[in-house]
C-alpha atoms as a PDB file:
ATOM      1  CA  PRO A   1     178.371-105.738 -12.192  1.00  0.00           C
ATOM      2  CA  ARG A   2     180.180-108.898 -11.232  1.00  0.00           C
ATOM      3  CA  CYS A   3     180.667-110.758  -7.984  1.00  0.00           C
ATOM      4  CA  HIS A   4     183.853-109.700  -6.228  1.00  0.00           C
ATOM      5  CA  HIS A   5     183.040-111.437  -2.928  1.00  0.00           C
ATOM      6  CA  ALA A   6     180.110-113.299  -1.359  1.00  0.00           C
ATOM      7  CA  ALA A   7     179.668-114.707   2.123  1.00  0.00           C
ATOM      8  CA  PHE A   8     176.891-116.152   4.266  1.00  0.00           C
ATOM      9  CA  ASP A   9     176.669-116.982   7.957  1.00  0.00           C
ATOM     10  CA  PRO A  10     174.134-119.841   8.388  1.00  0.00           C
ATOM     11  CA  ALA A  11     174.064-119.259  12.188  1.00  0.00           C
ATOM     12  CA  THR A  12     172.790-115.701  11.890  1.00  0.00           C
ATOM     13  CA  GLY A  13     171.556-115.371   8.330  1.00  0.00           C
ATOM     14  CA  ALA A  14     173.826-112.403   7.727  1.00  0.00           C
ATOM     15  CA  SER A  15     175.117-112.062   4.181  1.00  0.00           C
ATOM     16  CA  VAL A  16     177.229-109.825   2.074  1.00  0.00           C
ATOM     17  CA  LEU A  17     177.494-109.489  -1.677  1.00  0.00           C
ATOM     18  CA  LEU A  18     180.100-107.189  -3.227  1.00  0.00           C
ATOM     19  CA  LEU A  19     179.268-106.309  -6.794  1.00  0.00           C
ATOM     20  CA  GLU A  20     181.552-103.344  -7.456  1.00  0.00           C
ATOM     21  CA  ASP A  21     184.888-102.093  -6.193  1.00  0.00           C
ATOM     22  CA  LEU A  22     184.581 -98.390  -5.353  1.00  0.00           C
ATOM     23  CA  SER A  23     187.559 -98.146  -3.038  1.00  0.00           C
ATOM     24  CA  ALA A  24     189.186 -95.452  -5.280  1.00  0.00           C
ATOM     25  CA  CYS A  25     186.255 -93.099  -4.937  1.00  0.00           C
ATOM     26  CA  ARG A  26     186.149 -90.107  -2.631  1.00  0.00           C
ATOM     27  CA  THR A  27     183.321 -88.540  -0.570  1.00  0.00           C
ATOM     28  CA  GLN A  28     182.317 -85.028   0.410  1.00  0.00           C
ATOM     29  CA  ASP A  29     181.575 -83.751   3.908  1.00  0.00           C
ATOM     30  CA  PHE A  30     177.851 -82.947   4.267  1.00  0.00           C
ATOM     31  CA  VAL A  31     178.300 -80.190   6.881  1.00  0.00           C
ATOM     32  CA  ARG A  32     180.846 -78.322   4.757  1.00  0.00           C
ATOM     33  CA  GLY A  33     178.660 -78.752   1.726  1.00  0.00           C
ATOM     34  CA  CYS A  34     179.220 -79.576  -1.931  1.00  0.00           C
ATOM     35  CA  GLY A  35     181.459 -77.624  -4.232  1.00  0.00           C
ATOM     36  CA  VAL A  36     180.173 -76.485  -7.577  1.00  0.00           C
ATOM     37  CA  ALA A  37     182.308 -78.853  -9.673  1.00  0.00           C
ATOM     38  CA  ASP A  38     181.016 -81.868  -7.702  1.00  0.00           C
ATOM     39  CA  ALA A  39     177.467 -80.509  -7.806  1.00  0.00           C
ATOM     40  CA  VAL A  40     177.648 -80.414 -11.634  1.00  0.00           C
ATOM     41  CA  LEU A  41     178.856 -84.079 -11.694  1.00  0.00           C
ATOM     42  CA  THR A  42     176.104 -85.102  -9.322  1.00  0.00           C
ATOM     43  CA  ALA A  43     173.484 -83.343 -11.478  1.00  0.00           C
ATOM     44  CA  ARG A  44     174.702 -85.203 -14.531  1.00  0.00           C
ATOM     45  CA  ALA A  45     174.559 -88.505 -12.638  1.00  0.00           C
ATOM     46  CA  LEU A  46     170.977 -87.814 -11.594  1.00  0.00           C
ATOM     47  CA  ALA A  47     170.051 -86.946 -15.241  1.00  0.00           C
ATOM     48  CA  ARG A  48     171.496 -90.199 -16.535  1.00  0.00           C
ATOM     49  CA  CYS A  49     169.364 -92.107 -13.886  1.00  0.00           C
ATOM     50  CA  HIS A  50     166.198 -90.211 -14.853  1.00  0.00           C
ATOM     51  CA  ALA A  51     166.740 -90.531 -18.560  1.00  0.00           C
ATOM     52  CA  HIS A  52     166.935 -94.353 -18.258  1.00  0.00           C
ATOM     53  CA  PRO A  53     164.693 -95.321 -15.290  1.00  0.00           C
ATOM     54  CA  GLY A  54     164.267 -98.938 -16.190  1.00  0.00           C
ATOM     55  CA  PRO A  55     161.141-101.126 -15.629  1.00  0.00           C
ATOM     56  CA  GLY A  56     158.989-101.131 -12.522  1.00  0.00           C
ATOM     57  CA  HIS A  57     159.393 -97.497 -11.482  1.00  0.00           C
ATOM     58  CA  ALA A  58     155.691 -96.750 -11.277  1.00  0.00           C
ATOM     59  CA  ASP A  59     155.084 -98.618  -8.059  1.00  0.00           C
ATOM     60  CA  ALA A  60     156.106 -96.231  -5.339  1.00  0.00           C
ATOM     61  CA  PRO A  61     154.798 -92.716  -4.414  1.00  0.00           C
ATOM     62  CA  ALA A  62     157.301 -89.875  -4.588  1.00  0.00           C
ATOM     63  CA  CYS A  63     157.623 -90.103  -0.812  1.00  0.00           C
ATOM     64  CA  ASP A  64     156.041 -92.736   1.473  1.00  0.00           C
ATOM     65  CA  ILE A  65     157.043 -91.089   4.785  1.00  0.00           C
ATOM     66  CA  ASP A  66     153.906 -90.677   6.999  1.00  0.00           C
ATOM     67  CA  LEU A  67     154.169 -87.062   8.072  1.00  0.00           C
ATOM     68  CA  GLY A  68     150.815 -87.244   9.732  1.00  0.00           C
ATOM     69  CA  ALA A  69     152.286 -89.664  12.299  1.00  0.00           C
ATOM     70  CA  LEU A  70     155.669 -87.914  12.687  1.00  0.00           C
ATOM     71  CA  TRP A  71     154.956 -84.198  12.594  1.00  0.00           C
ATOM     72  CA  PRO A  72     153.256 -83.716  15.990  1.00  0.00           C
ATOM     73  CA  ASP A  73     156.453 -84.880  17.700  1.00  0.00           C
ATOM     74  CA  TYR A  74     158.896 -83.063  15.562  1.00  0.00           C
ATOM     75  CA  PRO A  75     158.977 -79.594  17.277  1.00  0.00           C
ATOM     76  CA  ALA A  76     159.723 -81.043  20.655  1.00  0.00           C
ATOM     77  CA  ARG A  77     162.477 -83.286  19.372  1.00  0.00           C
ATOM     78  CA  LEU A  78     163.953 -80.406  17.375  1.00  0.00           C
ATOM     79  CA  ALA A  79     163.902 -78.201  20.482  1.00  0.00           C
ATOM     80  CA  HIS A  80     165.822 -80.883  22.381  1.00  0.00           C
ATOM     81  CA  LEU A  81     168.468 -81.224  19.673  1.00  0.00           C
ATOM     82  CA  LEU A  82     168.758 -77.565  18.411  1.00  0.00           C
ATOM     83  CA  PRO A  83     167.224 -75.396  21.084  1.00  0.00           C
ATOM     84  CA  ASP A  84     168.561 -72.191  19.453  1.00  0.00           C
ATOM     85  CA  ILE A  85     166.601 -72.743  16.205  1.00  0.00           C
ATOM     86  CA  THR A  86     163.031 -71.458  15.978  1.00  0.00           C
ATOM     87  CA  LEU A  87     161.061 -72.889  13.023  1.00  0.00           C
ATOM     88  CA  PRO A  88     159.753 -70.051  10.880  1.00  0.00           C
ATOM     89  CA  PRO A  89     156.010 -69.795  10.256  1.00  0.00           C
ATOM     90  CA  ARG A  90     156.534 -70.660   6.607  1.00  0.00           C
ATOM     91  CA  LEU A  91     158.034 -74.019   7.429  1.00  0.00           C
ATOM     92  CA  LEU A  92     155.505 -74.712  10.163  1.00  0.00           C
ATOM     93  CA  THR A  93     152.645 -74.087   7.712  1.00  0.00           C
ATOM     94  CA  LEU A  94     154.275 -76.367   5.133  1.00  0.00           C
ATOM     95  CA  GLY A  95     154.680 -79.142   7.769  1.00  0.00           C
ATOM     96  CA  ASP A  96     151.016 -78.851   8.894  1.00  0.00           C
ATOM     97  CA  TRP A  97     149.846 -79.105   5.335  1.00  0.00           C
ATOM     98  CA  LEU A  98     152.029 -82.178   4.499  1.00  0.00           C
ATOM     99  CA  ALA A  99     150.881 -83.843   7.742  1.00  0.00           C
ATOM    100  CA  ARG A 100     147.390 -83.515   6.501  1.00  0.00           C
ATOM    101  CA  ASP A 101     147.580 -83.879   2.719  1.00  0.00           C
ATOM    102  CA  GLY A 102     151.058 -85.245   2.089  1.00  0.00           C
ATOM    103  CA  GLY A 103     150.009 -88.703   1.168  1.00  0.00           C
ATOM    104  CA  ALA A 104     147.659 -87.663  -1.600  1.00  0.00           C
ATOM    105  CA  PHE A 105     150.173 -84.955  -2.779  1.00  0.00           C
ATOM    106  CA  PHE A 106     153.087 -87.421  -3.161  1.00  0.00           C
ATOM    107  CA  ALA A 107     150.866 -90.011  -4.855  1.00  0.00           C
ATOM    108  CA  ALA A 108     149.844 -87.358  -7.368  1.00  0.00           C
ATOM    109  CA  LEU A 109     153.454 -86.520  -8.099  1.00  0.00           C
ATOM    110  CA  ALA A 110     154.214 -90.243  -8.816  1.00  0.00           C
ATOM    111  CA  ARG A 111     151.508 -90.100 -11.573  1.00  0.00           C
ATOM    112  CA  ALA A 112     152.666 -86.765 -13.035  1.00  0.00           C
ATOM    113  CA  GLU A 113     153.656 -86.474 -16.634  1.00  0.00           C
ATOM    114  CA  GLY A 114     157.331 -87.276 -16.956  1.00  0.00           C
ATOM    115  CA  ALA A 115     157.540 -89.207 -13.702  1.00  0.00           C
ATOM    116  CA  THR A 116     160.556 -91.385 -13.444  1.00  0.00           C
ATOM    117  CA  ARG A 117     162.496 -93.450 -10.915  1.00  0.00           C
ATOM    118  CA  LEU A 118     163.765 -91.232  -8.122  1.00  0.00           C
ATOM    119  CA  HIS A 119     166.789 -91.903  -5.841  1.00  0.00           C
ATOM    120  CA  GLY A 120     164.614 -90.360  -3.123  1.00  0.00           C
ATOM    121  CA  ASP A 121     167.502 -89.212  -0.873  1.00  0.00           C
ATOM    122  CA  ALA A 122     169.825 -87.375  -3.246  1.00  0.00           C
ATOM    123  CA  GLN A 123     172.316 -85.615  -0.977  1.00  0.00           C
ATOM    124  CA  ILE A 124     176.057 -85.427  -0.900  1.00  0.00           C
ATOM    125  CA  ASP A 125     176.682 -88.201   1.576  1.00  0.00           C
ATOM    126  CA  ASN A 126     174.985 -90.538  -0.770  1.00  0.00           C
ATOM    127  CA  VAL A 127     177.264 -89.732  -3.622  1.00  0.00           C
ATOM    128  CA  LEU A 128     180.799 -91.034  -4.395  1.00  0.00           C
ATOM    129  CA  PHE A 129     183.125 -89.335  -6.846  1.00  0.00           C
ATOM    130  CA  CYS A 130     185.155 -91.896  -8.854  1.00  0.00           C
ATOM    131  CA  PRO A 131     188.161 -91.325 -11.135  1.00  0.00           C
ATOM    132  CA  GLY A 132     187.110 -91.449 -14.750  1.00  0.00           C
ATOM    133  CA  ARG A 133     183.474 -92.038 -13.899  1.00  0.00           C
ATOM    134  CA  GLY A 134     182.221 -88.837 -12.293  1.00  0.00           C
ATOM    135  CA  ALA A 135     179.571 -89.202  -9.593  1.00  0.00           C
ATOM    136  CA  VAL A 136     178.058 -92.477  -8.472  1.00  0.00           C
ATOM    137  CA  LEU A 137     174.803 -92.621  -6.498  1.00  0.00           C
ATOM    138  CA  ILE A 138     174.662 -95.006  -3.554  1.00  0.00           C
ATOM    139  CA  ASP A 139     172.022 -95.853  -0.858  1.00  0.00           C
ATOM    140  CA  TRP A 140     168.829 -96.483  -2.777  1.00  0.00           C
ATOM    141  CA  HIS A 141     166.743 -97.175   0.348  1.00  0.00           C
ATOM    142  CA  PHE A 142     164.234 -94.448  -0.521  1.00  0.00           C
ATOM    143  CA  CYS A 143     163.874 -95.242  -4.226  1.00  0.00           C
ATOM    144  CA  ALA A 144     160.519 -93.790  -5.365  1.00  0.00           C
ATOM    145  CA  THR A 145     158.622 -92.417  -8.313  1.00  0.00           C
ATOM    146  CA  GLY A 146     158.049 -88.828  -9.331  1.00  0.00           C
ATOM    147  CA  PRO A 147     159.435 -86.013 -11.531  1.00  0.00           C
ATOM    148  CA  GLY A 148     163.194 -85.987 -11.793  1.00  0.00           C
ATOM    149  CA  GLY A 149     163.294 -82.377 -10.572  1.00  0.00           C
ATOM    150  CA  LEU A 150     162.489 -83.672  -7.071  1.00  0.00           C
ATOM    151  CA  ASP A 151     165.813 -85.429  -6.907  1.00  0.00           C
ATOM    152  CA  LEU A 152     167.663 -82.456  -8.366  1.00  0.00           C
ATOM    153  CA  GLY A 153     165.876 -80.088  -5.982  1.00  0.00           C
ATOM    154  CA  HIS A 154     166.485 -82.277  -3.020  1.00  0.00           C
ATOM    155  CA  PHE A 155     170.138 -82.237  -3.829  1.00  0.00           C
ATOM    156  CA  LEU A 156     170.384 -78.491  -4.224  1.00  0.00           C
ATOM    157  CA  ILE A 157     168.460 -77.863  -0.971  1.00  0.00           C
ATOM    158  CA  SER A 158     170.348 -80.375   1.159  1.00  0.00           C
ATOM    159  CA  SER A 159     173.936 -80.335  -0.154  1.00  0.00           C
ATOM    160  CA  LEU A 160     174.883 -76.797  -1.016  1.00  0.00           C
ATOM    161  CA  ALA A 161     175.362 -73.954   1.350  1.00  0.00           C
ATOM    162  CA  PRO A 162     172.709 -71.353   0.616  1.00  0.00           C
ATOM    163  CA  THR A 163     175.178 -68.763  -0.760  1.00  0.00           C
ATOM    164  CA  VAL A 164     176.565 -71.357  -3.204  1.00  0.00           C
ATOM    165  CA  ARG A 165     173.086 -72.534  -4.225  1.00  0.00           C
ATOM    166  CA  ARG A 166     171.940 -68.992  -4.904  1.00  0.00           C
ATOM    167  CA  ALA A 167     174.997 -68.224  -6.997  1.00  0.00           C
ATOM    168  CA  GLU A 168     175.330 -71.427  -8.836  1.00  0.00           C
ATOM    169  CA  GLN A 169     171.911 -73.082  -9.098  1.00  0.00           C
ATOM    170  CA  ALA A 170     171.378 -71.952 -12.713  1.00  0.00           C
ATOM    171  CA  ARG A 171     174.676 -73.502 -13.845  1.00  0.00           C
ATOM    172  CA  ILE A 172     173.943 -76.797 -12.048  1.00  0.00           C
ATOM    173  CA  VAL A 173     170.447 -77.017 -13.510  1.00  0.00           C
ATOM    174  CA  ALA A 174     171.801 -76.280 -16.942  1.00  0.00           C
ATOM    175  CA  ALA A 175     174.248 -79.285 -16.534  1.00  0.00           C
ATOM    176  CA  TYR A 176     171.314 -81.509 -15.542  1.00  0.00           C
ATOM    177  CA  ARG A 177     169.280 -80.411 -18.618  1.00  0.00           C
ATOM    178  CA  ALA A 178     172.191 -80.952 -20.913  1.00  0.00           C
ATOM    179  CA  ALA A 179     172.786 -84.481 -19.578  1.00  0.00           C
ATOM    180  CA  LEU A 180     169.066 -85.394 -19.631  1.00  0.00           C
ATOM    181  CA  LYS A 181     168.778 -84.529 -23.289  1.00  0.00           C
ATOM    182  CA  ALA A 182     165.012 -83.818 -22.880  1.00  0.00           C
ATOM    183  CA  GLU A 183     162.928 -80.638 -22.605  1.00  0.00           C
ATOM    184  CA  ALA A 184     161.860 -81.080 -18.908  1.00  0.00           C
ATOM    185  CA  PRO A 185     159.546 -77.988 -19.171  1.00  0.00           C
ATOM    186  CA  ARG A 186     158.467 -78.289 -15.478  1.00  0.00           C
ATOM    187  CA  LEU A 187     161.952 -78.671 -14.101  1.00  0.00           C
ATOM    188  CA  GLU A 188     162.149 -75.367 -12.147  1.00  0.00           C
ATOM    189  CA  VAL A 189     158.636 -76.000 -10.803  1.00  0.00           C
ATOM    190  CA  ASP A 190     159.610 -79.594  -9.652  1.00  0.00           C
ATOM    191  CA  ILE A 191     162.781 -78.192  -7.975  1.00  0.00           C
ATOM    192  CA  ARG A 192     160.504 -75.996  -5.844  1.00  0.00           C
ATOM    193  CA  LEU A 193     158.259 -78.947  -5.080  1.00  0.00           C
ATOM    194  CA  ALA A 194     161.404 -80.758  -3.767  1.00  0.00           C
ATOM    195  CA  ALA A 195     161.074 -78.673  -0.515  1.00  0.00           C
ATOM    196  CA  THR A 196     158.249 -81.089   0.479  1.00  0.00           C
ATOM    197  CA  LEU A 197     160.469 -84.182   0.003  1.00  0.00           C
ATOM    198  CA  LYS A 198     163.369 -82.529   1.858  1.00  0.00           C
ATOM    199  CA  LEU A 199     161.066 -81.655   4.816  1.00  0.00           C
ATOM    200  CA  ALA A 200     159.665 -85.194   4.984  1.00  0.00           C
ATOM    201  CA  MET A 201     163.203 -86.631   5.008  1.00  0.00           C
ATOM    202  CA  SER A 202     164.414 -84.132   7.558  1.00  0.00           C
ATOM    203  CA  VAL A 203     161.530 -84.810  10.000  1.00  0.00           C
ATOM    204  CA  MET A 204     161.979 -88.543   9.643  1.00  0.00           C
ATOM    205  CA  ALA A 205     165.706 -88.340  10.264  1.00  0.00           C
ATOM    206  CA  THR A 206     165.311 -86.030  13.295  1.00  0.00           C
ATOM    207  CA  LEU A 207     162.850 -88.441  14.960  1.00  0.00           C
ATOM    208  CA  ARG A 208     164.145 -91.804  13.904  1.00  0.00           C
ATOM    209  CA  LEU A 209     167.942 -91.526  13.875  1.00  0.00           C
ATOM    210  CA  ASP A 210     170.372 -91.110  16.781  1.00  0.00           C
ATOM    211  CA  ASN A 211     171.273 -87.465  16.482  1.00  0.00           C
ATOM    212  CA  ASP A 212     172.648 -86.781  19.987  1.00  0.00           C
ATOM    213  CA  ALA A 213     176.441 -86.909  19.130  1.00  0.00           C
ATOM    214  CA  PRO A 214     177.833 -83.434  18.313  1.00  0.00           C
ATOM    215  CA  THR A 215     178.664 -84.464  14.758  1.00  0.00           C
ATOM    216  CA  ARG A 216     175.051 -85.592  14.174  1.00  0.00           C
ATOM    217  CA  ARG A 217     173.707 -82.359  15.699  1.00  0.00           C
ATOM    218  CA  ALA A 218     175.911 -80.391  13.265  1.00  0.00           C
ATOM    219  CA  TRP A 219     174.503 -82.500  10.403  1.00  0.00           C
ATOM    220  CA  ARG A 220     170.880 -81.801  11.496  1.00  0.00           C
ATOM    221  CA  ARG A 221     171.626 -78.090  11.819  1.00  0.00           C
ATOM    222  CA  ALA A 222     173.125 -77.723   8.405  1.00  0.00           C
ATOM    223  CA  ASP A 223     170.267 -79.742   6.859  1.00  0.00           C
ATOM    224  CA  LEU A 224     167.533 -77.721   8.492  1.00  0.00           C
ATOM    225  CA  MET A 225     169.130 -74.279   8.010  1.00  0.00           C
ATOM    226  CA  ARG A 226     169.540 -75.021   4.240  1.00  0.00           C
ATOM    227  CA  LEU A 227     165.882 -76.076   3.964  1.00  0.00           C
ATOM    228  CA  ILE A 228     164.738 -72.966   5.769  1.00  0.00           C
ATOM    229  CA  ALA A 229     166.778 -70.744   3.499  1.00  0.00           C
ATOM    230  CA  PHE A 230     165.420 -72.449   0.363  1.00  0.00           C
ATOM    231  CA  CYS A 231     161.768 -72.082   1.566  1.00  0.00           C
ATOM    232  CA  GLU A 232     162.348 -68.402   2.439  1.00  0.00           C
ATOM    233  CA  ASP A 233     164.199 -67.694  -0.814  1.00  0.00           C
ATOM    234  CA  HIS A 234     161.359 -69.141  -2.866  1.00  0.00           C
ATOM    235  CA  ARG A 235     158.523 -68.116  -0.605  1.00  0.00           C
ATOM    236  CA  ILE A 236     157.205 -71.734  -0.531  1.00  0.00           C
ATOM    237  CA  THR A 237     153.554 -72.001   0.460  1.00  0.00           C
ATOM    238  CA  PRO A 238     151.184 -75.066   0.411  1.00  0.00           C
ATOM    239  CA  ASP A 239     148.801 -73.351  -2.027  1.00  0.00           C
ATOM    240  CA  ASP A 240     151.584 -72.674  -4.537  1.00  0.00           C
ATOM    241  CA  LEU A 241     152.840 -76.257  -4.299  1.00  0.00           C
ATOM    242  CA  ALA A 242     149.445 -77.813  -4.554  1.00  0.00           C
ATOM    243  CA  ALA A 243     148.774 -75.763  -7.669  1.00  0.00           C
ATOM    244  CA  ALA A 244     152.160 -76.586  -9.164  1.00  0.00           C
ATOM    245  CA  ALA A 245     151.594 -80.353  -8.536  1.00  0.00           C
ATOM    246  CA  GLY A 246     148.313 -80.139 -10.474  1.00  0.00           C
END
């Protein structure tokens, strides 16, 4: 990177530092969902990140969102935003478990064999597609530590329509493996574990962001319905996840 522009306002303390020109890149619409070709590019970008995590990645748990504090208020807020959606028992059970044991669970994932630096919020609206460069990951606010499959699973859950994910997940995972150039024997397990990260992020965003505009409600609906479909497809239960996490 190099400095394209820098400015500072001494009156307010506001500053800006532009290190890369990404104006030629394109985005994808979250509600519509990601196409297969762009999903493959994103999987390769995640693999490059996970293969070369850099120093200092062992400091943060796989997710530091306090579900214990947020979960009790989630059903009521969701009922206000999306009154036609009823949370299925499987998702409610998963949320209850994470609210109770999520801190220890995510801390254990950060210490798991093969843990690396995670983007932490790998979804299509945090990806740019740049000519000649493929996918570029932006918005590292939730950077954390854990198995790379958590990022890949988070992306598969959040960014692909369930019909596309079911049909193309094997192809996308194969692209990730090829770019990672490592065995990753637990990858499929870690992709399932990503349901916990996705639920934590969804609960936080539902309670902490302004979701009242119609476009934001559509975003929350797509996000939640994709998560529900993944949990039902894989029959996600707390006991299975706890055992898989070791």
